[in-house]
Amino acid sequence: MVSDSQNERESSQQCSHDASGFDQQAQRQATYWQQAPASDADPVVRATQYLGMLRDLSVEPRWIALAHIADPPGDALVWIGQHIHRVNQQLNAILSDLLGCFEPVLYSDMQIFAAPIAPQARVDGFCCDGPSRALGENRSAPITLMVDAGRIVPADWPGLVAHELAHGIARIPGHGVEFSRAIAHLCLAQDLPMPSPQLDAEALCYWPPCRHNPQPELFWLGRSAF
């Protein structure tokens, strides 16, 4: 669910080699955005680069936005530039714990980023699985989870990450049988609230239950603890 263009390769062997290199590039992006900025880094420039990267990987680039948080977005950009690595570190630790429920070889290509998601998207997070604009139309990126860490109280971040990870495991849109199996497995293994077998797809849209922040914009302005 992600996309940009690239020249065709002349041989299948070269294609395989190039695809591997692009996958490594995407994985380095995740690692880079978990590292503290250099002491002389301009936080606004860094935040702008970060948001651009999210849009390149996103299902819908317009879903990544700051207009609903601050206009002009200066304060939000400064905070993101200075602190987004700390948020991504916490989210990655949660993702790593959840992935411990599976054979490492099965889901080794997962990555996660905190993202300010526009209200019109009507989601707290989403899963991107497909070609990447950043990597080329025909290049697969790692399965990317994006979650709006400002929407959900930090104590419930594991539930939010588990929900999006279940989408990545199911590899099928919606909240059908594959999603139900994946989220039940994660909840059982990680001591999250177990969904009843009778829950329908509509109810599974909101599983596990997560508490919402009444003022999510405060998170992206650095005015709430995490």
Protein backbone atom coordinates (compact mmCIF):
# COMPACT_ATOMS: atom_id res chain seq x y z
CA MET A 1 0.00 0.00 0.00
CA VAL A 2 2.84 2.37 -0.58
CA SER A 3 4.58 3.80 -4.03
CA ASP A 4 7.60 6.45 -6.81
CA SER A 5 9.30 5.07 -9.90
CA GLN A 6 12.44 3.23 -10.82
CA ASN A 7 14.30 1.99 -13.90
CA GLU A 8 13.83 -1.63 -14.90
CA ARG A 9 16.72 -4.03 -14.34
CA GLU A 10 17.95 -6.21 -17.15
CA SER A 11 18.23 -9.51 -15.28
CA SER A 12 16.29 -11.24 -12.53
CA GLN A 13 19.52 -11.72 -10.57
CA GLN A 14 20.15 -7.97 -10.61
CA CYS A 15 16.53 -7.32 -9.60
CA SER A 16 16.88 -9.62 -6.61
CA HIS A 17 20.12 -7.93 -5.54
CA ASP A 18 18.66 -4.44 -5.88
CA ALA A 19 15.48 -5.32 -3.99
CA SER A 20 17.58 -6.63 -1.11
CA GLY A 21 19.53 -3.38 -1.04
CA PHE A 22 16.37 -1.29 -0.96
CA ASP A 23 14.95 -3.40 1.89
CA GLN A 24 18.13 -2.73 3.85
CA GLN A 25 17.77 0.99 3.12
CA ALA A 26 14.25 0.96 4.55
CA GLN A 27 15.40 -0.89 7.65
CA ARG A 28 18.15 1.69 8.14
CA GLN A 29 15.47 4.40 8.09
CA ALA A 30 13.75 2.79 11.08
CA THR A 31 17.05 2.54 12.97
CA TYR A 32 18.02 6.11 12.10
CA TRP A 33 14.78 7.54 13.48
CA GLN A 34 15.36 5.78 16.80
CA GLN A 35 18.63 7.62 17.28
CA ALA A 36 19.06 10.98 18.99
CA PRO A 37 19.74 13.92 16.67
CA ALA A 38 23.20 15.39 16.40
CA SER A 39 23.81 18.29 18.77
CA ASP A 40 23.93 20.76 15.89
CA ALA A 41 20.89 19.38 14.01
CA ASP A 42 18.17 21.87 13.11
CA PRO A 43 15.00 20.37 14.68
CA VAL A 44 12.66 21.90 12.09
CA VAL A 45 14.68 20.50 9.20
CA ARG A 46 14.90 17.12 10.93
CA ALA A 47 11.13 17.05 11.59
CA THR A 48 10.40 18.02 7.99
CA GLN A 49 12.58 15.15 6.79
CA TYR A 50 10.83 12.77 9.15
CA LEU A 51 7.34 13.75 8.01
CA GLY A 52 8.42 13.48 4.38
CA MET A 53 9.67 9.95 5.01
CA LEU A 54 6.35 9.02 6.66
CA ARG A 55 4.40 10.37 3.70
CA ASP A 56 6.55 8.37 1.29
CA LEU A 57 5.72 5.17 3.19
CA SER A 58 2.12 6.01 4.05
CA VAL A 59 -1.03 4.47 2.63
CA GLU A 60 -2.18 8.05 1.96
CA PRO A 61 0.43 10.85 2.17
CA ARG A 62 -2.26 13.39 3.18
CA TRP A 63 -2.94 11.36 6.33
CA ILE A 64 0.36 12.60 7.79
CA ALA A 65 -0.35 16.17 8.87
CA LEU A 66 0.16 18.80 11.54
CA ALA A 67 -2.53 21.31 10.59
CA HIS A 68 -4.93 19.90 13.22
CA ILE A 69 -2.22 20.16 15.89
CA ALA A 70 -0.72 23.61 15.37
CA ASP A 71 -1.05 26.36 12.79
CA PRO A 72 1.64 27.42 12.14
CA PRO A 73 3.27 24.09 13.04
CA GLY A 74 6.53 25.53 14.35
CA ASP A 75 6.30 24.27 17.94
CA ALA A 76 5.23 20.80 16.81
CA LEU A 77 8.08 20.61 14.31
CA VAL A 78 10.64 21.60 16.94
CA TRP A 79 9.35 18.96 19.34
CA ILE A 80 9.31 16.23 16.70
CA GLY A 81 12.82 17.13 15.58
CA GLN A 82 14.15 16.91 19.12
CA HIS A 83 12.18 14.00 20.58
CA ILE A 84 10.71 11.68 17.94
CA HIS A 85 13.56 9.20 18.44
CA ARG A 86 12.46 8.62 22.03
CA VAL A 87 8.90 7.85 20.97
CA ASN A 88 10.08 5.51 18.23
CA GLN A 89 12.38 3.73 20.69
CA GLN A 90 9.43 2.98 22.97
CA LEU A 91 7.21 1.85 20.12
CA ASN A 92 9.95 -0.36 18.70
CA ALA A 93 10.46 -1.99 22.10
CA ILE A 94 6.74 -2.80 22.22
CA LEU A 95 6.84 -4.16 18.67
CA SER A 96 9.85 -6.33 19.50
CA ASP A 97 8.05 -7.82 22.51
CA LEU A 98 5.00 -8.59 20.39
CA LEU A 99 7.09 -10.15 17.63
CA GLY A 100 8.58 -12.44 20.25
CA CYS A 101 5.31 -14.39 19.98
CA PHE A 102 6.34 -15.64 16.52
CA GLU A 103 9.22 -17.39 14.80
CA PRO A 104 11.78 -14.63 14.06
CA VAL A 105 12.14 -15.65 10.43
CA LEU A 106 8.42 -15.10 9.77
CA TYR A 107 8.15 -11.43 10.66
CA SER A 108 11.69 -10.05 10.66
CA ASP A 109 10.83 -7.24 8.22
CA MET A 110 8.55 -5.16 10.46
CA GLN A 111 9.17 -1.52 11.36
CA ILE A 112 7.19 1.07 13.29
CA PHE A 113 7.01 4.86 13.40
CA ALA A 114 5.07 7.40 15.45
CA ALA A 115 3.01 9.57 13.11
CA PRO A 116 0.69 12.58 13.53
CA ILE A 117 -2.37 11.25 11.70
CA ALA A 118 -4.96 13.68 10.33
CA PRO A 119 -8.46 13.38 11.86
CA GLN A 120 -10.03 12.79 8.43
CA ALA A 121 -8.20 9.46 8.24
CA ARG A 122 -10.44 8.31 11.11
CA VAL A 123 -7.84 5.86 12.41
CA ASP A 124 -5.34 5.80 15.27
CA GLY A 125 -2.85 3.80 13.21
CA PHE A 126 -2.44 1.84 10.01
CA CYS A 127 -0.31 -0.81 8.35
CA CYS A 128 1.53 -0.29 5.04
CA ASP A 129 2.46 -3.41 3.10
CA GLY A 130 3.50 -3.07 -0.52
CA PRO A 131 5.69 -1.08 -2.96
CA SER A 132 7.17 2.15 -1.65
CA ARG A 133 7.34 5.60 -3.22
CA ALA A 134 10.65 6.01 -1.42
CA LEU A 135 12.05 2.71 -2.72
CA GLY A 136 10.48 2.50 -6.17
CA GLU A 137 7.17 1.31 -7.61
CA ASN A 138 8.19 -2.33 -7.77
CA ARG A 139 10.29 -2.53 -4.64
CA SER A 140 8.78 -4.08 -1.53
CA ALA A 141 9.39 -2.25 1.71
CA PRO A 142 9.32 -3.83 5.14
CA ILE A 143 5.83 -3.99 6.59
CA THR A 144 5.47 -0.56 8.18
CA LEU A 145 3.22 0.21 11.12
CA MET A 146 2.34 3.84 11.80
CA VAL A 147 0.57 4.80 15.01
CA ASP A 148 -0.49 8.15 16.36
CA ALA A 149 1.05 7.99 19.80
CA GLY A 150 -0.77 11.19 20.77
CA ARG A 151 -4.23 9.66 20.35
CA ILE A 152 -3.81 6.86 22.89
CA VAL A 153 -2.61 7.08 26.50
CA PRO A 154 0.95 5.68 26.74
CA ALA A 155 -0.14 2.82 29.04
CA ASP A 156 -2.27 1.49 26.17
CA TRP A 157 0.33 1.80 23.41
CA PRO A 158 0.89 -2.00 23.48
CA GLY A 159 -2.75 -2.53 22.52
CA LEU A 160 -2.51 -0.01 19.68
CA VAL A 161 0.67 -1.58 18.33
CA ALA A 162 -0.80 -5.08 18.68
CA HIS A 163 -3.83 -4.06 16.61
CA GLU A 164 -1.70 -2.74 13.74
CA LEU A 165 0.69 -5.68 13.97
CA ALA A 166 -2.27 -8.05 13.63
CA HIS A 167 -3.08 -6.30 10.33
CA GLY A 168 0.51 -6.81 9.21
CA ILE A 169 0.35 -10.50 10.07
CA ALA A 170 -3.06 -11.04 8.47
CA ARG A 171 -1.90 -9.37 5.21
CA ILE A 172 -5.56 -8.83 4.31
CA PRO A 173 -7.50 -5.55 4.83
CA GLY A 174 -10.33 -5.51 7.32
CA HIS A 175 -11.02 -7.37 10.54
CA GLY A 176 -11.97 -10.82 9.28
CA VAL A 177 -10.87 -14.31 10.26
CA GLU A 178 -7.15 -13.76 9.64
CA PHE A 179 -7.09 -10.59 11.71
CA SER A 180 -9.14 -12.26 14.46
CA ARG A 181 -6.64 -15.12 14.72
CA ALA A 182 -3.65 -12.79 14.78
CA ILE A 183 -5.02 -10.43 17.43
CA ALA A 184 -6.17 -13.34 19.62
CA HIS A 185 -2.66 -14.85 19.46
CA LEU A 186 -1.03 -11.55 20.37
CA CYS A 187 -3.44 -10.84 23.21
CA LEU A 188 -2.99 -14.30 24.69
CA ALA A 189 0.80 -14.18 24.49
CA GLN A 190 1.15 -10.62 25.79
CA ASP A 191 -1.52 -10.66 28.50
CA LEU A 192 -3.72 -8.16 26.70
CA PRO A 193 -7.52 -8.41 26.98
CA MET A 194 -8.64 -11.42 24.96
CA PRO A 195 -11.36 -10.88 22.34
CA SER A 196 -14.42 -13.05 22.67
CA PRO A 197 -14.84 -15.58 19.81
CA GLN A 198 -18.26 -14.01 19.28
CA LEU A 199 -16.88 -10.55 18.47
CA ASP A 200 -17.75 -9.46 14.95
CA ALA A 201 -15.53 -7.47 12.58
CA GLU A 202 -17.02 -4.14 13.71
CA ALA A 203 -16.14 -4.84 17.34
CA LEU A 204 -12.65 -6.05 16.38
CA CYS A 205 -12.02 -2.63 14.80
CA TYR A 206 -11.51 -1.39 18.37
CA TRP A 207 -9.65 -4.35 19.90
CA PRO A 208 -7.82 -4.34 22.24
CA PRO A 209 -9.67 -1.52 24.02
CA CYS A 210 -7.46 1.58 24.23
CA ARG A 211 -8.08 4.78 26.13
CA HIS A 212 -8.00 7.93 24.02
CA ASN A 213 -6.35 11.20 25.00
CA PRO A 214 -8.89 14.03 25.18
CA GLN A 215 -6.30 16.46 23.76
CA PRO A 216 -3.98 14.48 21.46
CA GLU A 217 -2.43 17.63 20.04
CA LEU A 218 -0.68 18.26 23.39
CA PHE A 219 1.47 15.19 22.83
CA TRP A 220 2.89 16.51 19.55
CA LEU A 221 3.55 19.87 21.19
CA GLY A 222 5.53 18.22 23.98
CA ARG A 223 3.00 19.11 26.66
CA SER A 224 2.10 15.61 27.86
CA ALA A 225 4.25 12.91 29.43
CA PHE A 226 5.04 9.60 27.81
